[in-house]
Amino acid sequence: MTWTSSEVRYLEEHAGDGAVAIAEALGKTVGAVKMQAMRYGLSLRKRWLCPKCGRETFKPLSNRTGWCVSCTREQRASEIAEQVRAMEEEVRREDKANRERQRLYSRKYRAKKQINETFLLPENQETEEE
């Protein structure tokens, strides 16, 4: 079976789609496509194009993001960084609330102490004087 120049051009342009996809598109057998690719020194290894960075990758794109592994990792890292910032802000607010609460407890303690000294101490002094 002979190959036309347009079929060879299609094979060169779509080599990254894999042998099965090319065979279906050209109406040839997978073996014939592999043999022709070997003659022209083409790799039929499946490749994907990342829509975010435009890089061609041999690993399938992420189901969650539709991006390559690198872009997906960068996205996840930025999500984690945002979560960390939110948690740090929450810790700062909690620390501020705890300091305020502790300040109020200290004021309460000092006020009680002052009340005890002011009102209870004179009675004790009166009993000692008598």
Protein backbone atom coordinates (compact mmCIF):
# COMPACT_ATOMS: atom_id res chain seq x y z
CA MET A 1 0.00 0.00 0.00
CA THR A 2 1.49 3.33 -1.03
CA TRP A 3 1.33 6.56 0.89
CA THR A 4 0.46 9.85 -0.75
CA SER A 5 2.41 12.99 0.09
CA SER A 6 -0.60 14.44 1.92
CA GLU A 7 -0.84 11.29 4.09
CA VAL A 8 2.87 11.52 4.91
CA ARG A 9 2.46 15.22 5.75
CA TYR A 10 -0.50 14.35 7.98
CA LEU A 11 1.62 11.67 9.68
CA GLU A 12 4.41 14.22 10.34
CA GLU A 13 2.01 16.87 11.64
CA HIS A 14 0.01 14.53 13.87
CA ALA A 15 2.73 12.15 15.09
CA GLY A 16 2.04 13.26 18.68
CA ASP A 17 -1.56 12.03 18.45
CA GLY A 18 -0.43 8.39 18.52
CA ALA A 19 -0.51 5.56 15.99
CA VAL A 20 -4.12 4.55 16.66
CA ALA A 21 -5.53 8.05 16.09
CA ILE A 22 -3.52 8.50 12.89
CA ALA A 23 -4.54 5.07 11.59
CA GLU A 24 -8.21 5.89 12.18
CA ALA A 25 -7.90 9.29 10.52
CA LEU A 26 -6.11 7.95 7.42
CA GLY A 27 -7.98 4.67 7.15
CA LYS A 28 -4.74 2.66 7.47
CA THR A 29 -3.69 -0.09 9.86
CA VAL A 30 -1.77 0.71 13.01
CA GLY A 31 1.12 -1.44 11.76
CA ALA A 32 1.31 0.51 8.49
CA VAL A 33 1.36 3.81 10.37
CA LYS A 34 4.12 2.57 12.69
CA MET A 35 6.19 1.30 9.76
CA GLN A 36 5.88 4.58 7.83
CA ALA A 37 6.76 6.59 10.96
CA MET A 38 9.84 4.42 11.46
CA ARG A 39 10.88 5.05 7.83
CA TYR A 40 10.69 8.82 8.37
CA GLY A 41 12.21 8.70 11.87
CA LEU A 42 9.08 9.99 13.57
CA SER A 43 8.09 9.24 17.14
CA LEU A 44 4.46 8.20 17.58
CA ARG A 45 4.61 8.65 21.33
CA LYS A 46 1.41 10.38 22.46
CA ARG A 47 1.85 14.02 23.47
CA TRP A 48 -0.41 16.60 25.03
CA LEU A 49 -0.26 20.38 24.74
CA CYS A 50 -0.75 22.32 27.97
CA PRO A 51 -3.24 25.17 27.38
CA LYS A 52 -1.71 27.28 30.17
CA CYS A 53 2.02 27.25 29.34
CA GLY A 54 1.90 25.92 25.77
CA ARG A 55 4.44 23.17 26.50
CA GLU A 56 4.19 19.77 24.90
CA THR A 57 4.27 16.95 27.45
CA PHE A 58 4.30 13.18 27.32
CA LYS A 59 2.25 12.86 30.51
CA PRO A 60 -1.53 13.22 30.27
CA LEU A 61 -2.96 16.54 31.38
CA SER A 62 -4.52 16.79 34.83
CA ASN A 63 -8.19 15.84 35.01
CA ARG A 64 -8.79 18.51 37.65
CA THR A 65 -7.13 21.49 35.96
CA GLY A 66 -6.59 20.37 32.37
CA TRP A 67 -2.97 21.57 32.63
CA CYS A 68 0.44 19.88 32.59
CA VAL A 69 2.05 18.57 35.78
CA SER A 70 4.20 21.69 36.27
CA CYS A 71 1.33 24.13 35.87
CA THR A 72 -0.88 22.02 38.15
CA ARG A 73 1.85 21.99 40.83
CA GLU A 74 2.27 25.75 40.59
CA GLN A 75 -1.49 26.21 40.93
CA ARG A 76 -1.61 23.89 43.95
CA ALA A 77 1.35 25.68 45.55
CA SER A 78 -0.42 29.01 45.18
CA GLU A 79 -3.61 27.53 46.69
CA ILE A 80 -1.62 26.20 49.65
CA ALA A 81 0.14 29.55 50.08
CA GLU A 82 -3.26 31.29 50.20
CA GLN A 83 -4.49 28.80 52.82
CA VAL A 84 -1.34 29.40 54.89
CA ARG A 85 -1.87 33.19 54.71
CA ALA A 86 -5.47 32.76 55.86
CA MET A 87 -4.43 30.49 58.74
CA GLU A 88 -1.67 32.88 59.82
CA GLU A 89 -4.19 35.74 59.83
CA GLU A 90 -6.54 33.63 61.95
CA VAL A 91 -3.70 32.89 64.40
CA ARG A 92 -2.86 36.61 64.63
CA ARG A 93 -6.51 37.46 65.35
CA GLU A 94 -6.70 34.70 67.96
CA ASP A 95 -3.48 35.89 69.62
CA LYS A 96 -4.79 39.45 69.73
CA ALA A 97 -8.07 38.25 71.28
CA ASN A 98 -6.16 36.17 73.84
CA ARG A 99 -3.95 39.12 74.79
CA GLU A 100 -7.02 41.33 75.19
CA ARG A 101 -8.74 38.68 77.31
CA GLN A 102 -5.63 38.29 79.46
CA ARG A 103 -5.38 42.08 79.86
CA LEU A 104 -8.98 42.15 81.08
CA TYR A 105 -8.35 39.32 83.54
CA SER A 106 -5.35 41.23 84.89
CA ARG A 107 -7.42 44.40 85.30
CA LYS A 108 -10.12 42.37 87.05
CA TYR A 109 -7.55 40.83 89.41
CA ARG A 110 -6.04 44.24 90.24
CA ALA A 111 -9.50 45.73 90.81
CA LYS A 112 -10.47 42.88 93.17
CA LYS A 113 -7.19 43.26 94.99
CA GLN A 114 -7.76 47.00 95.35
CA ILE A 115 -11.30 46.44 96.60
CA ASN A 116 -10.05 43.92 99.16
CA GLU A 117 -7.34 46.28 100.32
CA THR A 118 -9.71 49.24 100.50
CA PHE A 119 -12.71 47.62 102.18
CA LEU A 120 -11.46 44.56 104.00
CA LEU A 121 -8.17 45.81 105.34
CA PRO A 122 -9.64 48.62 107.48
CA GLU A 123 -11.87 46.08 109.27
CA ASN A 124 -8.85 43.95 110.04
CA GLN A 125 -7.02 47.01 111.32
CA GLU A 126 -10.01 47.95 113.52
CA THR A 127 -10.07 44.50 115.11
CA GLU A 128 -6.36 44.67 115.75
CA GLU A 129 -6.64 48.12 117.38
CA GLU A 130 -9.36 47.06 119.81
